[in-house]
Amino acid sequence: MTSHQDGRTMSADGVEIVYSYAGTGQTSLLFIHGGLANRSFWKPQLAALGDRFTLAALDLAGHGESGRNRAHWSIPAFAEDVRAVADALDLRRVVLVGNSLGGAVALDAAPLLAGRAVGIVGADTLHATEDVYSPEDARARGAAFRADFAGACAGMVAALFHPGEHLELQAWALKIMLAMDPEVVARMMEGFGGYRLSEAFRRAGVPIRAINGDLWPTRIEANRKVAPDFDAVVMPGTGHYPMLERPDEFNRLLVDVVNGLS
C-alpha cells in the first residue's frame, strides 16, 4: 500500500487547491472527483497504484479542503484547477481520470496540458456526447439545492446506486455532500448551463476511454461519431462510483486501459 503526501497550489483565479500525491512512474494518473465529492473518493486508487504510476488527486474548488472564493463557477474553471496541480507537480505523460463531473473537467483540462496529456479515462461518465445541460435545467437544479439542500443531496445519492446496494457507501457519500456550502453548489449547478459535451470531446485532442457502471447506457457507437477512437468498458451491476464499489476490479481495468493508451 502506497502512502501519500499532500500539497497546495493556486488555480488561475487565485483559489487555493489542495491535492494528494504518491507513487513513481513515467506515466502520471491525475484523478478528478465528481460534483459534491472530494479527492478521498480516489483513496483506493492512491493506495494501490503507486508502484507503477505517479498519482495525484485534487479537491476541485469548492470541494473538500480547497478554497471556495471563486467568482464564476464553470467546468473550464475547474479545468484550471487540474492544470494548477499538474504544473505544481510537474506531471508528464498525464492520463486524466475523472468520475462524473470530473469526466467533463478532464475533457476541458486536456487541451490545457497539450504535449503532456496522453489520454482521458472516465469513471461512470461520458456516457453520451449528445447530452446538453440546458440553462433552464441548470437554473432549476440550482433552485432545488437552494430550497432544500439536504433533500436534494439525499435524492442525488439515491439515484447514484442500484437500489439497496452499498448502503454504507451511500451514507458516507451523503455525509460528504452535506458538508458542502449550499450556495456554492447552487452556483455550480447554474454555471454548468449550456455546456455541450460533444464540443468538449472534439476539443480534448487525446484518446478518450471510459470505465462505466450500468445505471445509464454508454452510447459507444454514437460517441465514436464525435471521437472515432472512443471506447468504454461497462462493469455490470455497478453504480456511479465503480472505483469505490468494486475497487480491485476497477483498478485492474484502469491499468489495462492506461497501458493500452501507452
Protein backbone atom coordinates (compact mmCIF):
# COMPACT_ATOMS: atom_id res chain seq x y z
CA MET A 1 0.00 0.00 0.00
CA THR A 2 1.35 3.40 -1.02
CA SER A 3 1.25 6.33 1.41
CA HIS A 4 0.57 9.78 0.03
CA GLN A 5 1.61 13.35 0.71
CA ASP A 6 -0.49 16.49 0.49
CA GLY A 7 0.21 19.77 -1.24
CA ARG A 8 -1.37 23.13 -2.03
CA THR A 9 -1.29 25.35 -5.07
CA MET A 10 -3.23 28.23 -6.61
CA SER A 11 -5.62 27.97 -9.53
CA ALA A 12 -5.66 30.58 -12.29
CA ASP A 13 -8.19 32.74 -10.44
CA GLY A 14 -6.36 32.65 -7.11
CA VAL A 15 -8.40 29.90 -5.41
CA GLU A 16 -6.28 27.57 -3.29
CA ILE A 17 -6.35 23.95 -4.47
CA VAL A 18 -5.41 21.08 -2.16
CA TYR A 19 -4.17 17.79 -3.57
CA SER A 20 -2.59 14.47 -2.62
CA TYR A 21 0.19 12.71 -4.48
CA ALA A 22 2.03 9.41 -4.31
CA GLY A 23 3.98 6.89 -6.29
CA THR A 24 6.54 6.94 -9.03
CA GLY A 25 6.35 6.12 -12.68
CA GLN A 26 6.81 7.62 -16.11
CA THR A 27 3.03 7.83 -16.60
CA SER A 28 1.02 10.05 -14.25
CA LEU A 29 -2.62 9.46 -13.30
CA LEU A 30 -4.36 12.66 -12.23
CA PHE A 31 -7.68 11.83 -10.54
CA ILE A 32 -10.61 14.26 -10.72
CA HIS A 33 -13.63 13.65 -8.48
CA GLY A 34 -17.26 14.36 -9.31
CA GLY A 35 -19.57 17.10 -8.12
CA LEU A 36 -20.14 17.33 -4.35
CA ALA A 37 -17.33 14.83 -3.77
CA ASN A 38 -13.62 15.23 -2.96
CA ARG A 39 -10.27 13.56 -3.50
CA SER A 40 -10.98 10.87 -0.90
CA PHE A 41 -13.22 9.19 -3.49
CA TRP A 42 -9.95 8.03 -5.09
CA LYS A 43 -8.39 6.65 -1.91
CA PRO A 44 -8.36 3.00 -3.12
CA GLN A 45 -6.50 4.04 -6.26
CA LEU A 46 -3.93 6.20 -4.46
CA ALA A 47 -3.26 3.30 -2.08
CA ALA A 48 -2.93 0.58 -4.72
CA LEU A 49 -1.38 2.01 -7.89
CA GLY A 50 1.67 3.93 -6.71
CA ASP A 51 4.04 1.08 -7.51
CA ARG A 52 3.56 1.62 -11.25
CA PHE A 53 2.34 5.20 -11.75
CA THR A 54 2.84 8.68 -10.40
CA LEU A 55 -0.50 9.54 -8.80
CA ALA A 56 -2.28 12.76 -7.85
CA ALA A 57 -5.83 13.57 -6.76
CA LEU A 58 -7.17 17.06 -6.14
CA ASP A 59 -10.08 18.73 -4.42
CA LEU A 60 -11.70 20.92 -7.06
CA ALA A 61 -12.50 24.45 -5.90
CA GLY A 62 -15.46 24.50 -3.52
CA HIS A 63 -14.93 20.85 -2.58
CA GLY A 64 -13.04 19.19 0.25
CA GLU A 65 -10.22 21.33 1.59
CA SER A 66 -9.88 23.60 -1.45
CA GLY A 67 -10.93 27.25 -1.42
CA ARG A 68 -14.47 28.45 -2.08
CA ASN A 69 -13.73 32.02 -3.13
CA ARG A 70 -14.47 31.56 -6.82
CA ALA A 71 -16.37 34.28 -8.65
CA HIS A 72 -17.52 32.21 -11.64
CA TRP A 73 -18.22 28.50 -11.26
CA SER A 74 -17.80 26.58 -14.50
CA ILE A 75 -16.23 23.46 -15.96
CA PRO A 76 -13.42 25.48 -17.62
CA ALA A 77 -12.62 27.00 -14.20
CA PHE A 78 -12.37 23.51 -12.70
CA ALA A 79 -10.10 22.53 -15.60
CA GLU A 80 -7.73 25.29 -14.47
CA ASP A 81 -7.63 23.63 -11.04
CA VAL A 82 -6.41 20.47 -12.74
CA ARG A 83 -3.76 22.36 -14.69
CA ALA A 84 -2.55 24.02 -11.49
CA VAL A 85 -1.92 20.65 -9.84
CA ALA A 86 -0.25 19.20 -12.94
CA ASP A 87 2.04 22.25 -13.02
CA ALA A 88 2.78 22.15 -9.29
CA LEU A 89 3.88 18.51 -9.52
CA ASP A 90 5.45 18.89 -12.98
CA LEU A 91 3.47 15.86 -14.16
CA ARG A 92 4.38 14.32 -17.51
CA ARG A 93 2.62 11.73 -19.66
CA VAL A 94 -0.62 12.53 -17.85
CA VAL A 95 -3.75 10.41 -18.04
CA LEU A 96 -6.69 12.37 -16.66
CA VAL A 97 -9.08 10.07 -14.76
CA GLY A 98 -12.42 11.71 -14.00
CA ASN A 99 -15.57 10.50 -12.26
CA SER A 100 -18.95 12.06 -13.11
CA LEU A 101 -18.41 15.83 -13.44
CA GLY A 102 -14.69 15.01 -13.39
CA GLY A 103 -15.05 13.47 -16.84
CA ALA A 104 -16.15 16.76 -18.38
CA VAL A 105 -13.45 18.58 -16.41
CA ALA A 106 -10.88 16.16 -17.83
CA LEU A 107 -12.06 16.92 -21.37
CA ASP A 108 -11.53 20.64 -20.78
CA ALA A 109 -8.24 20.14 -18.94
CA ALA A 110 -6.59 18.03 -21.64
CA PRO A 111 -6.01 20.96 -24.06
CA LEU A 112 -4.53 22.94 -21.17
CA LEU A 113 -1.96 20.15 -20.80
CA ALA A 114 -1.17 19.96 -24.51
CA GLY A 115 2.01 17.96 -25.01
CA ARG A 116 1.68 16.39 -21.55
CA ALA A 117 -1.77 14.76 -21.57
CA VAL A 118 -1.83 11.37 -23.29
CA GLY A 119 -5.40 10.30 -22.60
CA ILE A 120 -8.63 10.60 -20.64
CA VAL A 121 -10.36 7.82 -18.73
CA GLY A 122 -13.88 8.48 -17.45
CA ALA A 123 -15.28 6.62 -14.46
CA ASP A 124 -19.06 6.35 -14.91
CA THR A 125 -19.19 9.44 -17.06
CA LEU A 126 -19.00 10.50 -20.72
CA HIS A 127 -21.96 8.24 -21.46
CA ALA A 128 -23.39 10.21 -24.38
CA THR A 129 -21.88 13.07 -26.36
CA GLU A 130 -25.32 14.42 -27.25
CA ASP A 131 -26.02 15.35 -23.63
CA VAL A 132 -26.60 19.07 -23.14
CA TYR A 133 -27.31 20.61 -19.73
CA SER A 134 -29.68 23.40 -20.71
CA PRO A 135 -29.64 26.79 -18.92
CA GLU A 136 -33.24 26.12 -17.84
CA ASP A 137 -32.30 22.78 -16.28
CA ALA A 138 -29.28 24.40 -14.64
CA ARG A 139 -31.38 27.12 -13.04
CA ALA A 140 -33.94 24.59 -11.85
CA ARG A 141 -31.24 22.42 -10.33
CA GLY A 142 -29.69 25.40 -8.57
CA ALA A 143 -33.09 26.41 -7.21
CA ALA A 144 -33.71 22.90 -5.90
CA PHE A 145 -30.45 22.92 -3.93
CA ARG A 146 -31.25 26.35 -2.51
CA ALA A 147 -34.77 25.34 -1.49
CA ASP A 148 -33.92 22.04 0.23
CA PHE A 149 -30.21 21.29 0.25
CA ALA A 150 -30.40 18.17 2.42
CA GLY A 151 -33.31 16.76 0.43
CA ALA A 152 -31.62 17.46 -2.90
CA CYS A 153 -28.43 15.76 -1.73
CA ALA A 154 -30.33 12.73 -0.44
CA GLY A 155 -32.21 12.44 -3.72
CA MET A 156 -28.96 12.66 -5.65
CA VAL A 157 -27.28 9.90 -3.66
CA ALA A 158 -30.27 7.59 -4.00
CA ALA A 159 -30.11 7.95 -7.79
CA LEU A 160 -26.42 7.07 -7.99
CA PHE A 161 -26.59 3.48 -6.73
CA HIS A 162 -28.51 0.35 -7.60
CA PRO A 163 -31.44 0.13 -5.14
CA GLY A 164 -30.44 -1.27 -1.78
CA GLU A 165 -26.76 -1.60 -2.71
CA HIS A 166 -23.74 -0.25 -0.83
CA LEU A 167 -25.73 1.40 1.95
CA GLU A 168 -22.64 2.29 4.00
CA LEU A 169 -21.05 3.89 0.94
CA GLN A 170 -24.26 5.79 0.27
CA ALA A 171 -24.25 7.17 3.82
CA TRP A 172 -20.59 8.16 3.52
CA ALA A 173 -21.15 9.92 0.19
CA LEU A 174 -24.18 11.77 1.57
CA LYS A 175 -22.18 12.98 4.59
CA ILE A 176 -19.55 14.46 2.27
CA MET A 177 -22.20 16.12 0.10
CA LEU A 178 -23.93 17.67 3.11
CA ALA A 179 -20.63 19.27 4.18
CA MET A 180 -20.62 21.38 1.02
CA ASP A 181 -21.59 25.06 1.02
CA PRO A 182 -25.18 25.08 -0.34
CA GLU A 183 -24.74 28.39 -2.15
CA VAL A 184 -21.55 27.17 -3.83
CA VAL A 185 -23.42 24.06 -5.01
CA ALA A 186 -26.33 26.10 -6.35
CA ARG A 187 -24.00 28.44 -8.23
CA MET A 188 -22.06 25.47 -9.62
CA MET A 189 -25.26 23.93 -10.95
CA GLU A 190 -26.21 27.21 -12.58
CA GLY A 191 -22.72 27.60 -14.04
CA PHE A 192 -22.99 24.30 -15.93
CA GLY A 193 -25.90 25.54 -18.03
CA GLY A 194 -25.34 25.31 -21.77
CA TYR A 195 -22.28 23.07 -21.52
CA ARG A 196 -22.00 20.82 -24.59
CA LEU A 197 -20.19 17.55 -24.05
CA SER A 198 -19.79 16.96 -27.78
CA GLU A 199 -17.76 20.15 -28.18
CA ALA A 200 -15.55 19.17 -25.25
CA PHE A 201 -14.98 15.75 -26.86
CA ARG A 202 -13.80 17.47 -30.03
CA ARG A 203 -11.51 19.86 -28.15
CA ALA A 204 -9.83 17.21 -25.99
CA GLY A 205 -7.14 16.25 -28.50
CA VAL A 206 -6.31 12.93 -26.80
CA PRO A 207 -7.80 9.40 -26.79
CA ILE A 208 -10.94 9.12 -24.65
CA ARG A 209 -11.93 5.98 -22.75
CA ALA A 210 -14.46 5.14 -20.01
CA ILE A 211 -14.96 2.54 -17.31
CA ASN A 212 -18.65 2.84 -16.50
CA GLY A 213 -21.34 1.30 -14.36
CA ASP A 214 -24.64 0.26 -15.89
CA LEU A 215 -27.12 2.65 -14.30
CA TRP A 216 -27.19 4.55 -17.58
CA PRO A 217 -26.31 3.30 -21.09
CA THR A 218 -22.92 4.17 -22.55
CA ARG A 219 -23.52 5.07 -26.20
CA ILE A 220 -20.22 3.88 -27.62
CA GLU A 221 -21.14 4.00 -31.30
CA ALA A 222 -22.82 7.40 -31.00
CA ASN A 223 -19.79 8.77 -29.15
CA ARG A 224 -17.50 7.48 -31.89
CA LYS A 225 -19.24 9.76 -34.38
CA VAL A 226 -17.63 12.61 -32.43
CA ALA A 227 -14.47 10.87 -31.16
CA PRO A 228 -13.78 7.95 -33.56
CA ASP A 229 -11.44 6.06 -31.20
CA PHE A 230 -13.68 6.36 -28.13
CA ASP A 231 -14.07 3.11 -26.22
CA ALA A 232 -15.63 2.01 -22.95
CA VAL A 233 -15.81 -0.94 -20.59
CA VAL A 234 -19.01 -1.47 -18.60
CA MET A 235 -18.97 -3.05 -15.13
CA PRO A 236 -22.37 -4.79 -14.79
CA GLY A 237 -24.21 -4.26 -11.53
CA THR A 238 -22.11 -1.23 -10.65
CA GLY A 239 -23.39 2.28 -9.96
CA HIS A 240 -21.89 5.73 -10.19
CA TYR A 241 -18.74 5.09 -8.14
CA PRO A 242 -17.17 1.94 -9.63
CA MET A 243 -13.77 2.89 -8.18
CA LEU A 244 -15.28 2.61 -4.69
CA GLU A 245 -17.92 -0.08 -5.20
CA ARG A 246 -15.51 -2.63 -6.72
CA PRO A 247 -12.06 -1.04 -6.37
CA ASP A 248 -9.94 -4.11 -7.16
CA GLU A 249 -11.80 -4.79 -10.40
CA PHE A 250 -11.80 -1.11 -11.31
CA ASN A 251 -8.06 -0.85 -10.69
CA ARG A 252 -7.34 -3.83 -12.93
CA LEU A 253 -9.44 -2.32 -15.70
CA LEU A 254 -7.84 1.09 -15.24
CA VAL A 255 -4.33 -0.35 -15.52
CA ASP A 256 -5.34 -2.21 -18.69
CA VAL A 257 -6.87 0.93 -20.23
CA VAL A 258 -3.89 3.10 -19.32
CA ASN A 259 -1.45 0.53 -20.69
CA GLY A 260 -3.49 0.50 -23.88
CA LEU A 261 -3.12 4.26 -24.16
CA SER A 262 0.63 4.00 -23.64
